[in-house]
Amino acid sequence: MKPLIVIAILVALAWVFILVPSRRRQRSHAAMQDDVQAGDEIITAGGIHAIVREAGDEQMTIEIAPGVLVKLDRRAIAAVARDLEKPDPS
């Protein structure tokens, strides 16, 4: 009976420390993808940096170079690029 309790505790710990944070990351990533709007600078799953020109429900039009527009599935967005403040050199 004692080994079953130990196994149950290990399964519960694995659930809490592995699966819950993974699901939390998935939800926050999906929320980030849903919040992308026209004018945002994004990074695609393929590593391409682009600016969103038109945002639809499932697809969006992005500009990867001046005058080069491409349609992209919303779920192919890996991240929204953020400007980082440069530290003061003094």
N, C-alpha and C. Protein backbone atom coordinates (compact mmCIF):
# COMPACT_ATOMS: atom_id res chain seq x y z
N MET A 1 0.82 -1.19 0.00
CA MET A 1 0.00 0.00 0.00
C MET A 1 0.87 1.26 0.00
N LYS A 2 1.99 1.19 0.70
CA LYS A 2 2.87 2.35 0.79
C LYS A 2 3.44 2.76 -0.57
N PRO A 3 3.86 1.82 -1.43
CA PRO A 3 4.38 2.22 -2.75
C PRO A 3 3.32 2.94 -3.61
N LEU A 4 2.06 2.58 -3.48
CA LEU A 4 1.01 3.24 -4.24
C LEU A 4 0.86 4.70 -3.82
N ILE A 5 1.01 4.96 -2.55
CA ILE A 5 0.92 6.34 -2.05
C ILE A 5 2.08 7.17 -2.59
N VAL A 6 3.27 6.60 -2.60
CA VAL A 6 4.44 7.30 -3.12
C VAL A 6 4.27 7.60 -4.60
N ILE A 7 3.78 6.63 -5.36
CA ILE A 7 3.55 6.83 -6.79
C ILE A 7 2.49 7.91 -7.01
N ALA A 8 1.43 7.89 -6.24
CA ALA A 8 0.38 8.91 -6.36
C ALA A 8 0.93 10.30 -6.05
N ILE A 9 1.78 10.41 -5.05
CA ILE A 9 2.38 11.70 -4.70
C ILE A 9 3.30 12.18 -5.82
N LEU A 10 4.10 11.27 -6.40
CA LEU A 10 4.98 11.64 -7.51
C LEU A 10 4.19 12.10 -8.74
N VAL A 11 3.09 11.44 -9.04
CA VAL A 11 2.25 11.83 -10.17
C VAL A 11 1.65 13.21 -9.90
N ALA A 12 1.19 13.46 -8.69
CA ALA A 12 0.62 14.77 -8.34
C ALA A 12 1.67 15.86 -8.44
N LEU A 13 2.89 15.60 -7.98
CA LEU A 13 3.95 16.59 -8.08
C LEU A 13 4.32 16.87 -9.54
N ALA A 14 4.37 15.83 -10.35
CA ALA A 14 4.66 16.02 -11.77
C ALA A 14 3.57 16.87 -12.41
N TRP A 15 2.33 16.63 -12.05
CA TRP A 15 1.22 17.42 -12.57
C TRP A 15 1.38 18.89 -12.21
N VAL A 16 1.69 19.16 -10.96
CA VAL A 16 1.78 20.54 -10.48
C VAL A 16 2.99 21.26 -11.06
N PHE A 17 4.13 20.60 -11.13
CA PHE A 17 5.37 21.28 -11.54
C PHE A 17 5.68 21.22 -13.03
N ILE A 18 5.02 20.34 -13.78
CA ILE A 18 5.32 20.23 -15.21
C ILE A 18 4.12 20.64 -16.06
N LEU A 19 2.97 20.04 -15.85
CA LEU A 19 1.83 20.27 -16.73
C LEU A 19 1.15 21.62 -16.51
N VAL A 20 1.00 22.06 -15.29
CA VAL A 20 0.32 23.33 -15.02
C VAL A 20 1.09 24.51 -15.61
N PRO A 21 2.40 24.64 -15.38
CA PRO A 21 3.12 25.76 -16.01
C PRO A 21 3.12 25.70 -17.54
N SER A 22 3.15 24.50 -18.10
CA SER A 22 3.11 24.36 -19.55
C SER A 22 1.79 24.87 -20.11
N ARG A 23 0.70 24.53 -19.48
CA ARG A 23 -0.61 25.01 -19.93
C ARG A 23 -0.72 26.52 -19.76
N ARG A 24 -0.14 27.05 -18.70
CA ARG A 24 -0.17 28.50 -18.47
C ARG A 24 0.59 29.22 -19.59
N ARG A 25 1.76 28.69 -19.98
CA ARG A 25 2.52 29.28 -21.09
C ARG A 25 1.74 29.22 -22.40
N GLN A 26 1.08 28.10 -22.66
CA GLN A 26 0.29 27.96 -23.88
C GLN A 26 -0.84 28.98 -23.92
N ARG A 27 -1.53 29.17 -22.80
CA ARG A 27 -2.62 30.14 -22.75
C ARG A 27 -2.12 31.56 -22.96
N SER A 28 -0.97 31.91 -22.35
CA SER A 28 -0.47 33.28 -22.50
C SER A 28 0.02 33.51 -23.93
N HIS A 29 0.59 32.49 -24.57
CA HIS A 29 1.04 32.62 -25.96
C HIS A 29 -0.16 32.81 -26.89
N ALA A 30 -1.21 32.04 -26.68
CA ALA A 30 -2.42 32.18 -27.50
C ALA A 30 -3.04 33.56 -27.30
N ALA A 31 -3.04 34.07 -26.07
CA ALA A 31 -3.57 35.41 -25.81
C ALA A 31 -2.74 36.47 -26.52
N MET A 32 -1.41 36.30 -26.52
CA MET A 32 -0.53 37.24 -27.22
C MET A 32 -0.85 37.24 -28.71
N GLN A 33 -1.05 36.06 -29.30
CA GLN A 33 -1.37 35.96 -30.72
C GLN A 33 -2.71 36.63 -31.03
N ASP A 34 -3.68 36.49 -30.14
CA ASP A 34 -4.99 37.09 -30.37
C ASP A 34 -4.96 38.61 -30.21
N ASP A 35 -4.02 39.16 -29.45
CA ASP A 35 -3.96 40.59 -29.18
C ASP A 35 -3.17 41.38 -30.23
N VAL A 36 -2.55 40.71 -31.19
CA VAL A 36 -1.76 41.40 -32.21
C VAL A 36 -2.68 42.25 -33.09
N GLN A 37 -2.29 43.50 -33.32
CA GLN A 37 -3.08 44.41 -34.13
C GLN A 37 -2.21 45.01 -35.22
N ALA A 38 -2.86 45.70 -36.14
CA ALA A 38 -2.14 46.36 -37.22
C ALA A 38 -1.17 47.38 -36.64
N GLY A 39 0.04 47.40 -37.18
CA GLY A 39 1.07 48.31 -36.70
C GLY A 39 2.06 47.67 -35.75
N ASP A 40 1.74 46.50 -35.21
CA ASP A 40 2.66 45.81 -34.30
C ASP A 40 3.81 45.19 -35.08
N GLU A 41 4.98 45.18 -34.48
CA GLU A 41 6.12 44.49 -35.07
C GLU A 41 6.15 43.10 -34.46
N ILE A 42 6.20 42.09 -35.32
CA ILE A 42 6.15 40.71 -34.85
C ILE A 42 7.37 39.93 -35.32
N ILE A 43 7.54 38.76 -34.72
CA ILE A 43 8.53 37.78 -35.17
C ILE A 43 7.75 36.51 -35.46
N THR A 44 7.88 35.99 -36.67
CA THR A 44 7.14 34.79 -37.05
C THR A 44 7.82 33.55 -36.49
N ALA A 45 7.13 32.42 -36.60
CA ALA A 45 7.70 31.15 -36.15
C ALA A 45 8.94 30.79 -36.95
N GLY A 46 9.07 31.32 -38.15
CA GLY A 46 10.24 31.07 -38.98
C GLY A 46 11.37 32.05 -38.72
N GLY A 47 11.16 33.01 -37.81
CA GLY A 47 12.20 33.95 -37.45
C GLY A 47 12.20 35.24 -38.27
N ILE A 48 11.18 35.45 -39.07
CA ILE A 48 11.11 36.66 -39.90
C ILE A 48 10.52 37.80 -39.07
N HIS A 49 11.20 38.94 -39.08
CA HIS A 49 10.69 40.14 -38.42
C HIS A 49 9.82 40.88 -39.42
N ALA A 50 8.62 41.29 -38.99
CA ALA A 50 7.69 41.94 -39.90
C ALA A 50 6.81 42.92 -39.15
N ILE A 51 6.11 43.74 -39.91
CA ILE A 51 5.15 44.68 -39.36
C ILE A 51 3.77 44.27 -39.86
N VAL A 52 2.81 44.20 -38.95
CA VAL A 52 1.45 43.82 -39.31
C VAL A 52 0.77 45.00 -39.99
N ARG A 53 0.26 44.78 -41.20
CA ARG A 53 -0.44 45.83 -41.93
C ARG A 53 -1.95 45.68 -41.82
N GLU A 54 -2.47 44.46 -41.89
CA GLU A 54 -3.90 44.18 -41.72
C GLU A 54 -4.04 42.95 -40.85
N ALA A 55 -4.93 43.03 -39.86
CA ALA A 55 -5.14 41.89 -38.97
C ALA A 55 -6.57 41.40 -39.08
N GLY A 56 -6.73 40.14 -39.46
CA GLY A 56 -8.05 39.51 -39.52
C GLY A 56 -8.19 38.52 -38.38
N ASP A 57 -9.27 37.76 -38.40
CA ASP A 57 -9.50 36.79 -37.34
C ASP A 57 -8.51 35.63 -37.39
N GLU A 58 -8.29 35.08 -38.58
CA GLU A 58 -7.41 33.93 -38.73
C GLU A 58 -6.11 34.24 -39.46
N GLN A 59 -6.16 35.20 -40.39
CA GLN A 59 -4.99 35.56 -41.17
C GLN A 59 -4.69 37.03 -41.02
N MET A 60 -3.46 37.38 -41.33
CA MET A 60 -3.08 38.79 -41.33
C MET A 60 -2.12 39.03 -42.47
N THR A 61 -2.05 40.28 -42.87
CA THR A 61 -1.11 40.68 -43.91
C THR A 61 0.05 41.38 -43.22
N ILE A 62 1.25 40.89 -43.51
CA ILE A 62 2.44 41.47 -42.89
C ILE A 62 3.36 42.01 -43.97
N GLU A 63 4.18 42.99 -43.58
CA GLU A 63 5.16 43.56 -44.50
C GLU A 63 6.54 43.14 -44.02
N ILE A 64 7.22 42.33 -44.85
CA ILE A 64 8.53 41.81 -44.45
C ILE A 64 9.67 42.65 -45.00
N ALA A 65 9.39 43.47 -45.99
CA ALA A 65 10.34 44.41 -46.57
C ALA A 65 9.50 45.52 -47.19
N PRO A 66 10.09 46.68 -47.44
CA PRO A 66 9.29 47.76 -48.02
C PRO A 66 8.58 47.33 -49.30
N GLY A 67 7.25 47.36 -49.27
CA GLY A 67 6.45 46.99 -50.42
C GLY A 67 6.21 45.51 -50.60
N VAL A 68 6.72 44.66 -49.72
CA VAL A 68 6.55 43.20 -49.84
C VAL A 68 5.55 42.75 -48.78
N LEU A 69 4.32 42.45 -49.22
CA LEU A 69 3.26 42.03 -48.31
C LEU A 69 3.05 40.52 -48.44
N VAL A 70 2.84 39.88 -47.30
CA VAL A 70 2.67 38.43 -47.24
C VAL A 70 1.51 38.12 -46.32
N LYS A 71 0.71 37.11 -46.67
CA LYS A 71 -0.36 36.66 -45.78
C LYS A 71 0.23 35.64 -44.82
N LEU A 72 -0.18 35.74 -43.56
CA LEU A 72 0.35 34.87 -42.51
C LEU A 72 -0.79 34.40 -41.63
N ASP A 73 -0.78 33.13 -41.26
CA ASP A 73 -1.75 32.62 -40.30
C ASP A 73 -1.43 33.20 -38.93
N ARG A 74 -2.45 33.58 -38.20
CA ARG A 74 -2.26 34.21 -36.89
C ARG A 74 -1.48 33.30 -35.93
N ARG A 75 -1.64 32.00 -36.04
CA ARG A 75 -0.98 31.07 -35.13
C ARG A 75 0.50 30.88 -35.45
N ALA A 76 0.99 31.49 -36.52
CA ALA A 76 2.42 31.40 -36.86
C ALA A 76 3.22 32.54 -36.25
N ILE A 77 2.60 33.32 -35.38
CA ILE A 77 3.32 34.41 -34.71
C ILE A 77 4.03 33.83 -33.50
N ALA A 78 5.34 34.02 -33.45
CA ALA A 78 6.12 33.51 -32.32
C ALA A 78 6.19 34.53 -31.19
N ALA A 79 6.30 35.83 -31.54
CA ALA A 79 6.43 36.85 -30.50
C ALA A 79 6.11 38.21 -31.09
N VAL A 80 5.81 39.13 -30.20
CA VAL A 80 5.66 40.54 -30.58
C VAL A 80 6.96 41.20 -30.16
N ALA A 81 7.61 41.87 -31.13
CA ALA A 81 8.90 42.52 -30.84
C ALA A 81 8.64 43.76 -30.01
N ARG A 82 9.42 43.92 -28.98
CA ARG A 82 9.31 45.07 -28.09
C ARG A 82 10.59 45.86 -28.16
N ASP A 83 10.48 47.18 -28.13
CA ASP A 83 11.67 48.03 -28.08
C ASP A 83 12.21 48.01 -26.66
N LEU A 84 13.48 47.68 -26.53
CA LEU A 84 14.10 47.68 -25.22
C LEU A 84 14.80 49.03 -25.02
N GLU A 85 14.68 49.55 -23.83
CA GLU A 85 15.36 50.80 -23.54
C GLU A 85 16.86 50.54 -23.45
N LYS A 86 17.61 51.39 -24.13
CA LYS A 86 19.06 51.23 -24.10
C LYS A 86 19.58 51.84 -22.80
N PRO A 87 20.51 51.16 -22.12
CA PRO A 87 21.05 51.71 -20.88
C PRO A 87 21.88 52.97 -21.13
N ASP A 88 21.85 53.85 -20.17
CA ASP A 88 22.60 55.11 -20.27
C ASP A 88 24.09 54.80 -20.19
N PRO A 89 24.90 55.23 -21.18
CA PRO A 89 26.31 54.86 -21.22
C PRO A 89 27.15 55.53 -20.13
N SER A 90 26.61 56.47 -19.39
CA SER A 90 27.44 57.16 -18.39
C SER A 90 27.65 56.40 -17.14
